[in-house]
Protein backbone atom coordinates (compact mmCIF):
# COMPACT_ATOMS: atom_id res chain seq x y z
CA UNK A 1 11.96 -107.43 3.30
CA UNK A 2 11.22 -107.98 -0.08
CA UNK A 3 14.24 -107.96 -2.54
CA UNK A 4 16.67 -109.53 -4.93
CA UNK A 5 17.94 -111.11 -1.65
CA UNK A 6 14.74 -111.62 0.26
CA UNK A 7 15.75 -114.58 2.70
CA UNK A 8 18.94 -115.13 1.03
CA UNK A 9 22.43 -115.77 3.18
CA UNK A 10 24.98 -114.09 2.44
CA UNK A 11 28.69 -114.08 3.90
CA UNK A 12 31.29 -111.14 3.57
CA UNK A 13 34.59 -111.27 4.44
CA UNK A 14 36.24 -108.18 5.39
CA UNK A 15 32.70 -106.86 6.01
CA UNK A 16 33.44 -104.68 8.92
CA UNK A 17 34.38 -101.80 6.60
CA UNK A 18 35.28 -100.34 3.58
CA UNK A 19 33.94 -102.19 -0.07
CA UNK A 20 32.97 -105.20 2.29
CA UNK A 21 30.43 -103.22 4.73
CA UNK A 22 28.91 -101.12 1.65
CA UNK A 23 28.44 -104.92 0.00
CA UNK A 24 27.32 -106.28 3.05
CA UNK A 25 24.96 -102.83 3.48
CA UNK A 26 23.34 -103.35 -0.08
CA UNK A 27 22.55 -107.09 0.28
CA UNK A 28 20.84 -106.05 3.66
CA UNK A 29 18.87 -103.58 1.70
CA UNK A 30 17.42 -106.23 -0.52
CA UNK A 31 16.49 -108.46 1.90
CA UNK A 32 19.72 -110.78 2.75
CA UNK A 33 20.54 -112.12 6.00
CA UNK A 34 23.85 -111.32 6.41
CA UNK A 35 27.12 -112.93 7.86
CA UNK A 36 30.47 -110.65 8.40
CA UNK A 37 33.48 -112.42 8.61
CA UNK A 38 36.09 -109.52 10.19
CA UNK A 39 39.27 -109.94 12.24
CA UNK A 40 38.32 -107.07 15.11
CA UNK A 41 35.36 -107.85 16.97
CA UNK A 42 34.89 -104.31 18.07
CA UNK A 43 34.74 -103.22 14.09
CA UNK A 44 32.38 -106.35 14.06
CA UNK A 45 30.26 -105.25 16.33
CA UNK A 46 29.65 -101.74 15.30
CA UNK A 47 28.98 -102.71 11.96
CA UNK A 48 26.55 -105.21 12.84
CA UNK A 49 24.55 -102.71 14.63
CA UNK A 50 24.45 -100.61 11.70
CA UNK A 51 22.97 -103.46 9.56
CA UNK A 52 20.02 -104.20 12.14
CA UNK A 53 19.17 -100.84 11.85
CA UNK A 54 18.51 -101.63 8.11
CA UNK A 55 16.14 -104.28 9.68
CA UNK A 56 18.58 -107.03 8.57
CA UNK A 57 18.87 -110.40 10.02
CA UNK A 58 22.43 -110.06 10.59
CA UNK A 59 25.46 -111.75 12.62
CA UNK A 60 29.19 -111.09 12.80
CA UNK A 61 31.95 -113.68 13.50
CA UNK A 62 35.52 -112.58 14.87
CA UNK A 63 37.81 -114.53 12.04
CA UNK A 64 40.91 -114.87 10.58
CA UNK A 65 40.30 -115.60 7.06
CA UNK A 66 44.02 -117.25 6.65
CA UNK A 67 43.30 -119.44 9.29
CA UNK A 68 41.59 -122.62 7.89
CA UNK A 69 39.89 -124.38 10.96
CA UNK A 70 38.68 -120.70 12.25
CA UNK A 71 37.06 -120.62 8.50
CA UNK A 72 35.30 -123.97 8.99
CA UNK A 73 34.15 -123.12 12.48
CA UNK A 74 32.73 -120.07 11.13
CA UNK A 75 30.42 -121.48 8.39
CA UNK A 76 29.33 -123.83 10.76
CA UNK A 77 28.18 -120.83 12.86
CA UNK A 78 26.44 -119.71 9.50
CA UNK A 79 24.68 -122.58 8.83
CA UNK A 80 23.48 -123.22 12.35
CA UNK A 81 21.71 -119.44 12.44
CA UNK A 82 20.55 -119.30 8.75
CA UNK A 83 20.31 -123.21 7.79
CA UNK A 84 21.61 -122.35 4.23
CA UNK A 85 24.25 -120.24 2.15
CA UNK A 86 23.58 -118.49 -0.89
CA UNK A 87 26.22 -115.73 -1.46
CA UNK A 88 29.92 -115.50 -0.49
CA UNK A 89 31.54 -112.23 -1.20
CA UNK A 90 35.38 -112.40 -0.42
CA UNK A 91 36.59 -108.94 0.30
CA UNK A 92 38.97 -109.19 3.16
CA UNK A 93 42.28 -107.44 2.15
CA UNK A 94 45.76 -105.58 2.83
CA UNK A 95 48.06 -103.59 1.09
CA UNK A 96 51.79 -102.95 1.16
CA UNK A 97 52.79 -100.07 -0.82
CA UNK A 98 56.35 -101.00 -1.73
CA UNK A 99 58.25 -102.05 -4.82
CA UNK A 100 60.55 -105.14 -4.58
CA UNK A 101 63.72 -103.66 -3.50
CA UNK A 102 61.41 -102.78 -0.17
CA UNK A 103 59.33 -105.49 0.27
CA UNK A 104 60.29 -108.08 2.73
CA UNK A 105 59.64 -111.78 2.57
CA UNK A 106 57.04 -111.21 5.66
CA UNK A 107 55.46 -108.10 3.54
CA UNK A 108 55.18 -110.30 0.37
CA UNK A 109 53.72 -113.61 2.17
CA UNK A 110 51.41 -111.32 4.55
CA UNK A 111 49.71 -109.71 1.51
CA UNK A 112 49.61 -113.14 -0.55
CA UNK A 113 47.97 -115.03 2.39
CA UNK A 114 45.29 -112.44 3.27
CA UNK A 115 44.70 -111.02 -0.32
CA UNK A 116 45.01 -114.79 -1.92
CA UNK A 117 45.34 -117.55 -0.28
CA UNK A 118 42.27 -116.39 2.21
CA UNK A 119 39.98 -116.66 -1.25
CA UNK A 120 40.54 -119.82 -1.99
CA UNK A 121 40.49 -121.01 1.79
CA UNK A 122 37.25 -119.13 2.71
CA UNK A 123 35.70 -120.20 -0.72
CA UNK A 124 36.67 -123.73 -0.14
CA UNK A 125 35.06 -124.09 3.57
CA UNK A 126 32.17 -122.73 2.13
CA UNK A 127 31.30 -124.67 -0.79
CA UNK A 128 29.91 -127.73 1.29
CA UNK A 129 27.13 -125.36 2.44
CA UNK A 130 25.64 -124.27 -0.73
CA UNK A 131 22.60 -126.09 -1.43
CA UNK A 132 21.53 -128.11 -4.62
CA UNK A 133 20.67 -124.57 -6.20
CA UNK A 134 23.92 -123.52 -6.05
CA UNK A 135 24.88 -120.08 -5.54
CA UNK A 136 27.26 -117.22 -6.28
CA UNK A 137 30.77 -116.09 -5.23
CA UNK A 138 32.15 -112.80 -5.54
CA UNK A 139 35.75 -112.10 -5.25
CA UNK A 140 37.18 -108.34 -4.75
CA UNK A 141 40.26 -108.48 -7.15
CA UNK A 142 41.73 -104.50 -8.46
CA UNK A 143 42.93 -103.11 -11.34
CA UNK A 144 46.27 -103.72 -9.60
CA UNK A 145 45.99 -107.15 -11.34
CA UNK A 146 45.66 -105.55 -14.92
CA UNK A 147 48.26 -103.25 -14.57
CA UNK A 148 51.63 -102.58 -13.25
CA UNK A 149 52.01 -100.47 -10.22
CA UNK A 150 54.26 -99.82 -7.51
CA UNK A 151 52.91 -102.38 -4.91
CA UNK A 152 54.33 -105.54 -6.13
CA UNK A 153 52.88 -108.02 -3.39
CA UNK A 154 49.39 -106.44 -4.15
CA UNK A 155 49.76 -106.78 -7.84
CA UNK A 156 50.78 -110.33 -7.62
CA UNK A 157 48.03 -111.22 -5.05
CA UNK A 158 45.26 -109.21 -7.36
CA UNK A 159 46.32 -110.85 -10.42
CA UNK A 160 46.08 -114.41 -8.90
CA UNK A 161 42.64 -113.51 -7.68
CA UNK A 162 41.51 -112.89 -11.16
CA UNK A 163 43.00 -116.12 -12.58
CA UNK A 164 41.70 -118.30 -9.75
CA UNK A 165 38.49 -116.93 -10.27
CA UNK A 166 38.31 -118.45 -13.64
CA UNK A 167 39.84 -121.62 -12.29
CA UNK A 168 37.27 -121.57 -9.43
CA UNK A 169 34.25 -121.00 -12.39
CA UNK A 170 35.46 -124.07 -13.96
CA UNK A 171 35.43 -126.46 -11.65
CA UNK A 172 32.26 -124.86 -9.33
CA UNK A 173 30.09 -124.76 -12.60
CA UNK A 174 29.05 -128.31 -12.29
CA UNK A 175 27.49 -127.61 -8.73
CA UNK A 176 25.53 -124.48 -9.95
CA UNK A 177 28.06 -122.20 -8.01
CA UNK A 178 28.94 -118.87 -10.54
CA UNK A 179 32.06 -117.42 -9.74
CA UNK A 180 33.19 -113.90 -10.68
CA UNK A 181 35.24 -110.88 -9.46
CA UNK A 182 35.23 -107.00 -9.63
CA UNK A 183 38.10 -105.01 -9.75
CA UNK A 184 37.99 -101.56 -8.46
CA UNK A 185 40.07 -98.77 -9.22
CA UNK A 186 40.49 -96.15 -6.42
CA UNK A 187 37.51 -95.91 -3.67
CA UNK A 188 36.99 -93.95 -0.85
CA UNK A 189 37.96 -96.34 1.81
CA UNK A 190 40.30 -96.24 4.82
CA UNK A 191 42.65 -98.41 2.87
CA UNK A 192 43.33 -95.55 0.42
CA UNK A 193 43.26 -92.47 2.91
CA UNK A 194 47.39 -92.73 3.10
CA UNK A 195 48.11 -92.35 -0.38
CA UNK A 196 45.72 -90.03 -1.10
CA UNK A 197 47.27 -88.00 1.80
CA UNK A 198 50.57 -88.34 0.23
CA UNK A 199 50.34 -87.58 -3.28
CA UNK A 200 46.85 -85.39 -3.10
CA UNK A 201 43.62 -86.09 -4.81
CA UNK A 202 44.64 -84.15 -7.62
CA UNK A 203 47.51 -86.14 -8.41
CA UNK A 204 45.25 -89.47 -8.56
CA UNK A 205 42.16 -88.19 -9.88
CA UNK A 206 44.13 -86.76 -13.07
CA UNK A 207 45.07 -90.05 -13.52
CA UNK A 208 41.05 -91.18 -13.80
CA UNK A 209 38.96 -90.09 -16.97
CA UNK A 210 35.68 -89.48 -15.18
CA UNK A 211 37.94 -87.46 -12.49
CA UNK A 212 36.81 -89.17 -9.35
CA UNK A 213 37.28 -92.00 -6.97
CA UNK A 214 34.37 -94.48 -6.69
CA UNK A 215 32.26 -94.95 -3.85
CA UNK A 216 32.21 -98.02 -2.07
CA UNK A 217 28.49 -98.25 -2.65
CA UNK A 218 29.12 -98.10 -6.60
CA UNK A 219 31.39 -101.45 -6.05
CA UNK A 220 28.45 -103.04 -4.04
CA UNK A 221 26.37 -102.38 -7.07
CA UNK A 222 28.35 -104.42 -8.93
CA UNK A 223 28.78 -107.13 -6.38
CA UNK A 224 24.80 -107.24 -5.98
CA UNK A 225 24.56 -107.76 -9.78
CA UNK A 226 26.43 -110.61 -9.98
CA UNK A 227 25.37 -112.49 -7.26
CA UNK A 228 21.77 -111.94 -8.36
CA UNK A 229 19.96 -114.36 -10.41
CA UNK A 230 20.07 -111.32 -13.18
CA UNK A 231 23.56 -112.82 -13.88
CA UNK A 232 22.71 -116.36 -14.44
CA UNK A 233 24.49 -117.03 -17.18
CA UNK A 234 27.72 -115.03 -15.63
CA UNK A 235 30.81 -116.80 -14.32
CA UNK A 236 34.45 -116.36 -14.80
CA UNK A 237 34.12 -112.82 -15.16
CA UNK A 238 36.12 -109.84 -14.42
CA UNK A 239 33.92 -106.68 -14.11
CA UNK A 240 36.50 -103.47 -14.06
CA UNK A 241 34.98 -100.97 -11.97
CA UNK A 242 37.54 -98.11 -12.03
CA UNK A 243 36.20 -94.92 -14.48
CA UNK A 244 38.40 -95.87 -16.81
CA UNK A 245 41.26 -95.88 -15.13
CA UNK A 246 43.00 -99.13 -16.82
CA UNK A 247 41.47 -98.33 -20.30
CA UNK A 248 44.05 -95.35 -20.93
CA UNK A 249 47.53 -94.86 -21.12
CA UNK A 250 48.70 -91.72 -19.14
CA UNK A 251 52.50 -90.63 -19.02
CA UNK A 252 51.74 -87.70 -16.87
CA UNK A 253 48.59 -86.87 -14.77
CA UNK A 254 45.88 -84.65 -16.44
CA UNK A 255 44.93 -82.04 -14.63
CA UNK A 256 41.61 -82.44 -12.80
CA UNK A 257 38.95 -79.86 -13.63
């Protein structure tokens, strides 16, 4: 298959569902060879099957992205399979929808571990496997890293992702590795189903100028651009993909049309 990523090896953490699977599918459609890292083997198996149906060379590795040793082993498997690494997308994430008075220390540490520390650990494990031509890292952040919302641990983690992205971009430029972030707003993924059910689509869509949620594929297209040669001079950037939600101040919900 021809495409921007023909023959290139792409690792996607959290790649078995949601934004991660949409990203992996987009790279597969453009000729990429895909390795999915996720925690649940059954979900990985389903995702790999769907990627192979796209004529993609795909593999899946059940991996705890907070475990440094497990990540080191996962990237060795990728190297054995593909003999190269060109792109890493850090998409694994969880959420705890509580303000500070309802957030336990365990909640705080778990969210920071998965949403922030795992990006540090996964990127560190990946670096030795990039070749002389370097490559690209794309981190999935969130508009929650830019504006205050109820989820105190998630906000702190995603703000950290944006800052870490800038730092890694600075450090890894010498190795020709570009590092960027994408900050989605509300996306139609399993992670957001509970909040949509609790307050309803009308409540949330009324806060989005474009009056709809993003589709996972729309986030994937931005990730593909940032990982491609078309973004060869883009590093340290955070691209907001939220339908305008973070660009405006709306004290009350605007009725959806």
